[in-house]
Amino acid sequence: MSLTASQRRNAELGLGLLAVVITVGGYILVALAAGPSLPPNIWFFLAVLVGLYVAAHLAVHGSLPEPTARCCRSPRCSTASGSWSSRASTVT
């Protein structure tokens, strides 16, 4: 089963946001280990972390015309449209 480019990008976005949630969860657990209260800047930290991740995701994927997997230059790389050698004239 082959995924489309948008499905792969959505999966990447979802996994990245999961990584952000795990990071914030770790931050909260470390803060609770130091004392019984959460730091007052927890929402600011969460907002900055999510904002930076989404901005980076949009910057990288907004500037790429197609997924980077199609730019594979390995001789073993192949996709449904053919191998790297058959696409060499179309890649700039």
C-alpha atoms as a PDB file:
ATOM      1  CA  MET A   1       0.000   0.000   0.000  1.00  0.00           C
ATOM      2  CA  SER A   2       1.470   3.308  -1.056  1.00  0.00           C
ATOM      3  CA  LEU A   3       0.716   6.518   0.792  1.00  0.00           C
ATOM      4  CA  THR A   4       0.199   9.792  -1.010  1.00  0.00           C
ATOM      5  CA  ALA A   5       2.392  12.808  -0.318  1.00  0.00           C
ATOM      6  CA  SER A   6      -0.286  14.528   1.757  1.00  0.00           C
ATOM      7  CA  GLN A   7      -0.823  11.400   3.864  1.00  0.00           C
ATOM      8  CA  ARG A   8       2.907  11.169   4.556  1.00  0.00           C
ATOM      9  CA  ARG A   9       3.086  14.849   5.489  1.00  0.00           C
ATOM     10  CA  ASN A  10       0.064  14.530   7.767  1.00  0.00           C
ATOM     11  CA  ALA A  11       1.613  11.489   9.423  1.00  0.00           C
ATOM     12  CA  GLU A  12       4.842  13.435   9.926  1.00  0.00           C
ATOM     13  CA  LEU A  13       2.931  16.363  11.417  1.00  0.00           C
ATOM     14  CA  GLY A  14       1.032  14.058  13.770  1.00  0.00           C
ATOM     15  CA  LEU A  15       4.185  12.281  14.924  1.00  0.00           C
ATOM     16  CA  GLY A  16       5.931  15.603  15.419  1.00  0.00           C
ATOM     17  CA  LEU A  17       3.097  16.899  17.554  1.00  0.00           C
ATOM     18  CA  LEU A  18       3.226  13.654  19.534  1.00  0.00           C
ATOM     19  CA  ALA A  19       6.923  14.362  20.164  1.00  0.00           C
ATOM     20  CA  VAL A  20       5.990  17.843  21.399  1.00  0.00           C
ATOM     21  CA  VAL A  21       3.394  16.366  23.766  1.00  0.00           C
ATOM     22  CA  ILE A  22       5.942  13.880  25.118  1.00  0.00           C
ATOM     23  CA  THR A  23       8.466  16.707  25.609  1.00  0.00           C
ATOM     24  CA  VAL A  24       5.969  18.827  27.510  1.00  0.00           C
ATOM     25  CA  GLY A  25       4.907  15.805  29.553  1.00  0.00           C
ATOM     26  CA  GLY A  26       8.528  15.194  30.518  1.00  0.00           C
ATOM     27  CA  TYR A  27       8.909  18.852  31.467  1.00  0.00           C
ATOM     28  CA  ILE A  28       5.841  18.607  33.704  1.00  0.00           C
ATOM     29  CA  LEU A  29       7.070  15.384  35.339  1.00  0.00           C
ATOM     30  CA  VAL A  30      10.482  16.898  36.088  1.00  0.00           C
ATOM     31  CA  ALA A  31       8.811  20.007  37.502  1.00  0.00           C
ATOM     32  CA  LEU A  32       6.565  17.879  39.718  1.00  0.00           C
ATOM     33  CA  ALA A  33       9.587  15.894  40.924  1.00  0.00           C
ATOM     34  CA  ALA A  34      11.128  19.151  42.162  1.00  0.00           C
ATOM     35  CA  GLY A  35       8.012  20.224  44.064  1.00  0.00           C
ATOM     36  CA  PRO A  36       4.245  19.809  44.310  1.00  0.00           C
ATOM     37  CA  SER A  37       3.352  22.710  42.015  1.00  0.00           C
ATOM     38  CA  LEU A  38       3.758  23.334  38.313  1.00  0.00           C
ATOM     39  CA  PRO A  39       5.845  26.251  37.068  1.00  0.00           C
ATOM     40  CA  PRO A  40       3.785  29.317  36.171  1.00  0.00           C
ATOM     41  CA  ASN A  41       5.269  29.477  32.671  1.00  0.00           C
ATOM     42  CA  ILE A  42       4.069  26.030  31.572  1.00  0.00           C
ATOM     43  CA  TRP A  43       1.506  27.398  29.072  1.00  0.00           C
ATOM     44  CA  PHE A  44       4.051  29.797  27.602  1.00  0.00           C
ATOM     45  CA  PHE A  45       6.539  26.922  27.204  1.00  0.00           C
ATOM     46  CA  LEU A  46       3.881  24.773  25.531  1.00  0.00           C
ATOM     47  CA  ALA A  47       2.802  27.571  23.179  1.00  0.00           C
ATOM     48  CA  VAL A  48       6.382  28.378  22.157  1.00  0.00           C
ATOM     49  CA  LEU A  49       7.259  24.724  21.573  1.00  0.00           C
ATOM     50  CA  VAL A  50       4.154  24.014  19.480  1.00  0.00           C
ATOM     51  CA  GLY A  51       4.549  27.290  17.575  1.00  0.00           C
ATOM     52  CA  LEU A  52       8.177  26.593  16.707  1.00  0.00           C
ATOM     53  CA  TYR A  53       7.399  23.063  15.566  1.00  0.00           C
ATOM     54  CA  VAL A  54       4.470  24.116  13.370  1.00  0.00           C
ATOM     55  CA  ALA A  55       6.484  27.006  11.897  1.00  0.00           C
ATOM     56  CA  ALA A  56       9.378  24.667  11.079  1.00  0.00           C
ATOM     57  CA  HIS A  57       7.007  22.093   9.583  1.00  0.00           C
ATOM     58  CA  LEU A  58       5.345  24.697   7.361  1.00  0.00           C
ATOM     59  CA  ALA A  59       8.668  26.258   6.349  1.00  0.00           C
ATOM     60  CA  VAL A  60      10.160  22.943   5.297  1.00  0.00           C
ATOM     61  CA  HIS A  61       7.124  21.486   3.589  1.00  0.00           C
ATOM     62  CA  GLY A  62       5.891  24.745   2.153  1.00  0.00           C
ATOM     63  CA  SER A  63       9.155  25.192   0.278  1.00  0.00           C
ATOM     64  CA  LEU A  64       9.329  21.641  -1.092  1.00  0.00           C
ATOM     65  CA  PRO A  65       7.344  20.925  -4.253  1.00  0.00           C
ATOM     66  CA  GLU A  66       7.252  17.181  -3.544  1.00  0.00           C
ATOM     67  CA  PRO A  67       8.316  14.788  -0.784  1.00  0.00           C
ATOM     68  CA  THR A  68      12.047  14.373  -0.325  1.00  0.00           C
ATOM     69  CA  ALA A  69      11.757  10.598  -0.762  1.00  0.00           C
ATOM     70  CA  ARG A  70      11.446  11.114  -4.532  1.00  0.00           C
ATOM     71  CA  CYS A  71      14.844  12.829  -4.562  1.00  0.00           C
ATOM     72  CA  CYS A  72      16.617   9.656  -3.500  1.00  0.00           C
ATOM     73  CA  ARG A  73      19.848   9.243  -5.432  1.00  0.00           C
ATOM     74  CA  SER A  74      20.632   5.746  -4.296  1.00  0.00           C
ATOM     75  CA  PRO A  75      20.841   3.134  -7.061  1.00  0.00           C
ATOM     76  CA  ARG A  76      18.495   0.959  -4.972  1.00  0.00           C
ATOM     77  CA  CYS A  77      15.857   3.706  -4.766  1.00  0.00           C
ATOM     78  CA  SER A  78      12.755   3.073  -6.814  1.00  0.00           C
ATOM     79  CA  THR A  79       9.173   4.248  -6.763  1.00  0.00           C
ATOM     80  CA  ALA A  80       6.058   3.393  -8.699  1.00  0.00           C
ATOM     81  CA  SER A  81       7.161   5.784 -11.458  1.00  0.00           C
ATOM     82  CA  GLY A  82      10.494   4.042 -11.975  1.00  0.00           C
ATOM     83  CA  SER A  83      14.032   4.102 -10.717  1.00  0.00           C
ATOM     84  CA  TRP A  84      16.314   7.087 -10.200  1.00  0.00           C
ATOM     85  CA  SER A  85      17.972   6.654 -13.593  1.00  0.00           C
ATOM     86  CA  SER A  86      14.634   6.913 -15.418  1.00  0.00           C
ATOM     87  CA  ARG A  87      13.743  10.139 -13.544  1.00  0.00           C
ATOM     88  CA  ALA A  88      17.184  11.778 -13.812  1.00  0.00           C
ATOM     89  CA  SER A  89      16.154  14.065 -16.644  1.00  0.00           C
ATOM     90  CA  THR A  90      13.084  15.382 -14.756  1.00  0.00           C
ATOM     91  CA  VAL A  91      14.869  16.282 -11.484  1.00  0.00           C
ATOM     92  CA  THR A  92      16.470  19.716 -11.500  1.00  0.00           C
END
